[in-house]
């Protein structure tokens, strides 16, 4: 398995399932903003609708054309146009055109977004190499648990998702069922507090 390493500006993260290439630009002074570039292949799309409960994302199209879905609103954007996604807004995006789209993205506050992007890509690489159509359910639960401040399932109350994820993550850790996820993520056992 590929280990996830601490990244730095210029690192490229590749998600083979979505057609995303993410180039980390770094954090703005003070670490409050993560700046990154998204290069999305023709026909590529973020894997699923999602929300960032505590973060705002700003997407500025540099090249190509993108279609965003923010809540119920569809927005097509071309070079020079910016789409802002407020915290908690369910969104999705895809490349509309026949050429790669290049988009400058700012995520504020940064939180652990860089690690979330890395782990999502590692899980996608694992899923692709195993020939699975869908991600492993336990991996998905553990991912959502680890990055609950950075990403949320659309339309489901956070308390419901957290209420289900906490005991599953704790049981998985106790019986060692989280070993695959930890291996893909590239770190030892996560410390999970079932009372959190």
Foldseek 3Di string as FASTA:
>chain_A
DDADDDDAAQDWFAAVVQQWIKGWHHADPPQFKTKIKIKHAAFGKDPDWWFQQAKKKKKAWQAAKKWKCWANDIDIDHHGDMDMHDHPTTMMMHGHDNGIIMIIMMMGRPPPVVLLSNLNRLQSVVCVVVVHPDGDPLLVLVSCQVCVNGIDDPPDDSCVSCVVSQVSLVVCLVVVVCVVNCVSHRHDRDDGDSVD
